[in-house]
Amino acid sequence: MKEEQIKNLSDDQLKNKLKGASSVLKVSLVLFIIYATYMIYSLLTGSWELNVSSGVVILFFLAVIFPNYTLRKQLKEEIDERNAGR
């Protein structure tokens, strides 16, 4: 989300977007940890086979986690900035 759009949001909208972004980030991280645990288990048992889908899953998680983390950080900064101005 662009910085200009964040500044135009009301306090309630900012809090709702932050709550949603936090939820998506938590779910993504939990799913990533489960997938990483599965990968490590498969490597240790010798049943892991490298294929395209394993790379795509990791790229999907990275494509969800990093932009969402950045958005969450921007929203928190805007909320903190507004609260400091009061």
C-alpha atoms as a PDB file:
ATOM      1  CA  MET A   1       0.000   0.000   0.000  1.00  0.00           C
ATOM      2  CA  LYS A   2       1.377   3.390  -0.901  1.00  0.00           C
ATOM      3  CA  GLU A   3       2.390   5.769   1.864  1.00  0.00           C
ATOM      4  CA  GLU A   4      -0.091   8.385   0.580  1.00  0.00           C
ATOM      5  CA  GLN A   5      -2.971   5.917   0.855  1.00  0.00           C
ATOM      6  CA  ILE A   6      -1.982   4.997   4.412  1.00  0.00           C
ATOM      7  CA  LYS A   7      -2.009   8.636   5.462  1.00  0.00           C
ATOM      8  CA  ASN A   8      -5.554   9.050   4.079  1.00  0.00           C
ATOM      9  CA  LEU A   9      -6.994   6.239   6.205  1.00  0.00           C
ATOM     10  CA  SER A  10      -8.839   6.890   9.444  1.00  0.00           C
ATOM     11  CA  ASP A  11      -7.551   5.535  12.748  1.00  0.00           C
ATOM     12  CA  ASP A  12     -10.150   2.750  12.763  1.00  0.00           C
ATOM     13  CA  GLN A  13      -9.278   1.738   9.208  1.00  0.00           C
ATOM     14  CA  LEU A  14      -5.582   1.664  10.098  1.00  0.00           C
ATOM     15  CA  LYS A  15      -6.248  -0.550  13.112  1.00  0.00           C
ATOM     16  CA  ASN A  16      -8.438  -2.908  11.055  1.00  0.00           C
ATOM     17  CA  LYS A  17      -5.816  -3.182   8.304  1.00  0.00           C
ATOM     18  CA  LEU A  18      -3.091  -3.781  10.903  1.00  0.00           C
ATOM     19  CA  LYS A  19      -5.192  -6.499  12.519  1.00  0.00           C
ATOM     20  CA  GLY A  20      -5.793  -8.163   9.145  1.00  0.00           C
ATOM     21  CA  ALA A  21      -2.148  -7.921   8.113  1.00  0.00           C
ATOM     22  CA  SER A  22      -1.063  -9.369  11.454  1.00  0.00           C
ATOM     23  CA  SER A  23      -3.470 -12.282  11.066  1.00  0.00           C
ATOM     24  CA  VAL A  24      -2.276 -13.071   7.552  1.00  0.00           C
ATOM     25  CA  LEU A  25       1.344 -12.848   8.683  1.00  0.00           C
ATOM     26  CA  LYS A  26       0.763 -15.189  11.634  1.00  0.00           C
ATOM     27  CA  VAL A  27      -1.062 -17.764   9.511  1.00  0.00           C
ATOM     28  CA  SER A  28       1.633 -17.593   6.821  1.00  0.00           C
ATOM     29  CA  LEU A  29       4.404 -18.045   9.359  1.00  0.00           C
ATOM     30  CA  VAL A  30       2.670 -21.016  10.979  1.00  0.00           C
ATOM     31  CA  LEU A  31       2.156 -22.681   7.599  1.00  0.00           C
ATOM     32  CA  PHE A  32       5.777 -21.970   6.659  1.00  0.00           C
ATOM     33  CA  ILE A  33       7.002 -23.542   9.904  1.00  0.00           C
ATOM     34  CA  ILE A  34       4.848 -26.616   9.289  1.00  0.00           C
ATOM     35  CA  TYR A  35       6.206 -26.908   5.735  1.00  0.00           C
ATOM     36  CA  ALA A  36       9.800 -26.416   6.909  1.00  0.00           C
ATOM     37  CA  THR A  37       9.301 -29.093   9.567  1.00  0.00           C
ATOM     38  CA  TYR A  38       7.952 -31.439   6.905  1.00  0.00           C
ATOM     39  CA  MET A  39      10.954 -30.706   4.665  1.00  0.00           C
ATOM     40  CA  ILE A  40      13.445 -31.363   7.469  1.00  0.00           C
ATOM     41  CA  TYR A  41      11.660 -34.557   8.467  1.00  0.00           C
ATOM     42  CA  SER A  42      11.652 -35.734   4.846  1.00  0.00           C
ATOM     43  CA  LEU A  43      15.355 -34.931   4.490  1.00  0.00           C
ATOM     44  CA  LEU A  44      16.204 -36.851   7.648  1.00  0.00           C
ATOM     45  CA  THR A  45      14.176 -39.901   6.635  1.00  0.00           C
ATOM     46  CA  GLY A  46      15.533 -39.843   3.095  1.00  0.00           C
ATOM     47  CA  SER A  47      12.183 -39.490   1.389  1.00  0.00           C
ATOM     48  CA  TRP A  48      12.694 -35.914   0.159  1.00  0.00           C
ATOM     49  CA  GLU A  49      12.723 -35.452  -3.592  1.00  0.00           C
ATOM     50  CA  LEU A  50      13.527 -32.054  -5.013  1.00  0.00           C
ATOM     51  CA  ASN A  51      10.894 -30.967  -7.511  1.00  0.00           C
ATOM     52  CA  VAL A  52       9.404 -27.776  -8.879  1.00  0.00           C
ATOM     53  CA  SER A  53       6.471 -27.728  -6.472  1.00  0.00           C
ATOM     54  CA  SER A  54       8.731 -27.540  -3.414  1.00  0.00           C
ATOM     55  CA  GLY A  55      10.426 -24.446  -4.834  1.00  0.00           C
ATOM     56  CA  VAL A  56       7.105 -22.885  -5.760  1.00  0.00           C
ATOM     57  CA  VAL A  57       5.751 -23.368  -2.243  1.00  0.00           C
ATOM     58  CA  ILE A  58       8.775 -21.643  -0.722  1.00  0.00           C
ATOM     59  CA  LEU A  59       8.514 -18.764  -3.203  1.00  0.00           C
ATOM     60  CA  PHE A  60       4.802 -18.460  -2.415  1.00  0.00           C
ATOM     61  CA  PHE A  61       5.535 -18.130   1.284  1.00  0.00           C
ATOM     62  CA  LEU A  62       8.218 -15.520   0.626  1.00  0.00           C
ATOM     63  CA  ALA A  63       5.864 -13.618  -1.686  1.00  0.00           C
ATOM     64  CA  VAL A  64       3.238 -13.494   1.063  1.00  0.00           C
ATOM     65  CA  ILE A  65       5.388 -12.970   4.152  1.00  0.00           C
ATOM     66  CA  PHE A  66       7.744 -10.158   3.097  1.00  0.00           C
ATOM     67  CA  PRO A  67       5.238  -7.724   1.524  1.00  0.00           C
ATOM     68  CA  ASN A  68       2.821  -8.346   4.367  1.00  0.00           C
ATOM     69  CA  TYR A  69       5.549  -7.708   6.937  1.00  0.00           C
ATOM     70  CA  THR A  70       6.426  -4.439   5.182  1.00  0.00           C
ATOM     71  CA  LEU A  71       2.779  -3.327   5.101  1.00  0.00           C
ATOM     72  CA  ARG A  72       2.364  -4.180   8.780  1.00  0.00           C
ATOM     73  CA  LYS A  73       5.483  -2.167   9.622  1.00  0.00           C
ATOM     74  CA  GLN A  74       4.201   0.856   7.662  1.00  0.00           C
ATOM     75  CA  LEU A  75       0.807   0.675   9.361  1.00  0.00           C
ATOM     76  CA  LYS A  76       2.416   0.476  12.811  1.00  0.00           C
ATOM     77  CA  GLU A  77       4.643   3.463  12.031  1.00  0.00           C
ATOM     78  CA  GLU A  78       1.650   5.519  10.897  1.00  0.00           C
ATOM     79  CA  ILE A  79      -0.334   4.611  14.020  1.00  0.00           C
ATOM     80  CA  ASP A  80       2.644   5.464  16.253  1.00  0.00           C
ATOM     81  CA  GLU A  81       3.160   8.739  14.379  1.00  0.00           C
ATOM     82  CA  ARG A  82      -0.480   9.717  14.858  1.00  0.00           C
ATOM     83  CA  ASN A  83      -0.433   8.774  18.540  1.00  0.00           C
ATOM     84  CA  ALA A  84       2.763  10.776  19.133  1.00  0.00           C
ATOM     85  CA  GLY A  85       1.105  13.859  17.609  1.00  0.00           C
ATOM     86  CA  ARG A  86      -1.694  13.860  20.160  1.00  0.00           C
END
